Amino acid sequence: MGTALIVEDSLTEREIISQYVKQTGLIVTIAASGEEALEKLNENLPDVIILDVVLPGRSGFEICRALKAEDRTSNIPVIICSTKDTDMDKFWGMRQGADAYLAKPVDQETFMNTLKQLIQL
């Protein structure tokens, strides 16, 4: 069974996204900050990372850029889910290496389709 790392500081958003991910059969791991996410990645590599942009400490953009620059994490799909949803935000997120960029509140069907496209479920 695959795993997903959800990096989200909002408890409500974390719960909603976790429920969507669990419906696909993936095991969910949670991080509330970019630093915590990087620590968890030292323990286990997930099959997909769902990443908020506005986080305590390092931003989701910084985390995404760091993940895509490192050999051992560069092939892990990253889905950015953020309230920052201007065209420039989306453009910047994709420039950092995100595989998908979804605006919050996340539409469940769009999220599930995106997840299924990025990993084999």
Protein backbone atom coordinates (compact mmCIF):
# COMPACT_ATOMS: atom_id res chain seq x y z
CA MET A 1 0.00 0.00 0.00
CA GLY A 2 1.27 3.47 -0.87
CA THR A 3 1.77 6.48 1.36
CA ALA A 4 1.09 10.21 1.15
CA LEU A 5 2.74 12.99 3.12
CA ILE A 6 0.37 15.90 3.78
CA VAL A 7 2.16 19.13 4.72
CA GLU A 8 -0.52 21.46 6.04
CA ASP A 9 -0.62 23.70 9.12
CA SER A 10 -4.42 24.12 9.22
CA LEU A 11 -6.07 21.31 11.17
CA THR A 12 -9.33 21.66 9.21
CA GLU A 13 -7.64 21.52 5.80
CA ARG A 14 -5.41 18.68 6.98
CA GLU A 15 -8.45 16.63 8.02
CA ILE A 16 -10.31 17.26 4.75
CA ILE A 17 -7.33 16.37 2.56
CA SER A 18 -6.50 13.35 4.74
CA GLN A 19 -10.00 11.98 4.24
CA TYR A 20 -9.73 12.37 0.46
CA VAL A 21 -6.35 10.62 0.41
CA LYS A 22 -7.51 7.79 2.69
CA GLN A 23 -10.40 7.10 0.30
CA THR A 24 -7.83 6.08 -2.30
CA GLY A 25 -6.33 3.51 0.07
CA LEU A 26 -3.12 5.41 0.74
CA ILE A 27 -1.63 5.62 4.23
CA VAL A 28 -1.42 9.24 5.41
CA THR A 29 1.51 10.85 7.21
CA ILE A 30 1.11 14.42 8.50
CA ALA A 31 3.53 17.33 8.89
CA ALA A 32 2.44 20.76 10.14
CA SER A 33 5.51 22.65 8.88
CA GLY A 34 8.13 22.47 6.17
CA GLU A 35 10.81 21.53 8.67
CA GLU A 36 8.70 18.67 10.05
CA ALA A 37 8.07 17.47 6.48
CA LEU A 38 11.81 17.36 5.76
CA GLU A 39 12.39 15.39 8.98
CA LYS A 40 9.69 12.86 8.00
CA LEU A 41 11.24 12.51 4.55
CA ASN A 42 14.49 11.44 6.22
CA GLU A 43 12.57 8.54 7.80
CA ASN A 44 10.41 7.36 4.88
CA LEU A 45 9.79 8.48 1.32
CA PRO A 46 6.10 8.74 0.41
CA ASP A 47 4.55 8.02 -2.98
CA VAL A 48 3.08 11.54 -3.16
CA ILE A 49 3.38 14.83 -1.25
CA ILE A 50 0.47 17.24 -0.79
CA LEU A 51 1.93 20.60 0.12
CA ASP A 52 0.48 23.90 1.37
CA VAL A 53 2.28 27.11 0.39
CA VAL A 54 1.73 29.21 3.52
CA LEU A 55 3.52 27.30 6.28
CA PRO A 56 5.40 28.25 9.45
CA GLY A 57 9.12 28.56 8.75
CA ARG A 58 9.87 27.70 5.12
CA SER A 59 7.18 28.19 2.50
CA GLY A 60 5.75 25.36 0.43
CA PHE A 61 7.47 26.89 -2.61
CA GLU A 62 10.85 26.58 -0.86
CA ILE A 63 10.12 23.01 0.24
CA CYS A 64 9.01 22.00 -3.26
CA ARG A 65 12.14 23.51 -4.81
CA ALA A 66 14.34 21.67 -2.28
CA LEU A 67 12.57 18.35 -2.88
CA LYS A 68 12.86 18.59 -6.65
CA ALA A 69 16.56 19.53 -6.42
CA GLU A 70 17.48 16.45 -4.38
CA ASP A 71 18.01 13.13 -6.19
CA ARG A 72 16.27 10.95 -3.62
CA THR A 73 13.07 13.05 -3.61
CA SER A 74 13.01 14.59 -7.10
CA ASN A 75 10.72 11.90 -8.56
CA ILE A 76 8.06 12.11 -5.84
CA PRO A 77 4.96 13.85 -7.25
CA VAL A 78 4.10 17.09 -5.42
CA ILE A 79 0.58 18.50 -5.38
CA ILE A 80 0.42 22.05 -4.07
CA CYS A 81 -2.92 22.92 -2.43
CA SER A 82 -3.10 26.58 -1.48
CA THR A 83 -5.36 29.55 -0.91
CA LYS A 84 -2.81 31.46 -2.99
CA ASP A 85 -4.57 30.94 -6.30
CA THR A 86 -3.64 33.73 -8.66
CA ASP A 87 -2.22 32.82 -12.05
CA MET A 88 1.19 34.06 -10.84
CA ASP A 89 1.03 31.82 -7.73
CA LYS A 90 0.20 28.80 -9.90
CA PHE A 91 2.93 29.71 -12.39
CA TRP A 92 5.47 30.10 -9.58
CA GLY A 93 4.43 26.82 -7.96
CA MET A 94 4.90 24.95 -11.22
CA ARG A 95 8.28 26.68 -11.72
CA GLN A 96 9.36 25.28 -8.34
CA GLY A 97 8.68 21.79 -9.64
CA ALA A 98 5.12 21.08 -8.48
CA ASP A 99 3.39 18.39 -10.52
CA ALA A 100 -0.04 19.96 -9.89
CA TYR A 101 -1.41 23.12 -8.27
CA LEU A 102 -4.93 23.13 -6.79
CA ALA A 103 -6.69 26.08 -5.17
CA LYS A 104 -8.36 25.77 -1.77
CA PRO A 105 -10.98 24.93 -0.90
CA VAL A 106 -9.99 21.81 -2.82
CA ASP A 107 -12.70 20.24 -4.95
CA GLN A 108 -12.82 16.55 -4.01
CA GLU A 109 -13.33 15.23 -7.55
CA THR A 110 -10.55 17.40 -8.98
CA PHE A 111 -8.23 16.38 -6.14
CA MET A 112 -8.96 12.66 -6.56
CA ASN A 113 -8.48 12.82 -10.35
CA THR A 114 -5.20 14.70 -9.93
CA LEU A 115 -3.95 12.20 -7.36
CA LYS A 116 -4.86 9.24 -9.58
CA GLN A 117 -3.09 10.82 -12.57
CA LEU A 118 0.14 11.28 -10.61
CA ILE A 119 0.37 7.89 -8.93
CA GLN A 120 -0.86 4.46 -9.91
CA LEU A 121 -3.77 3.60 -7.61
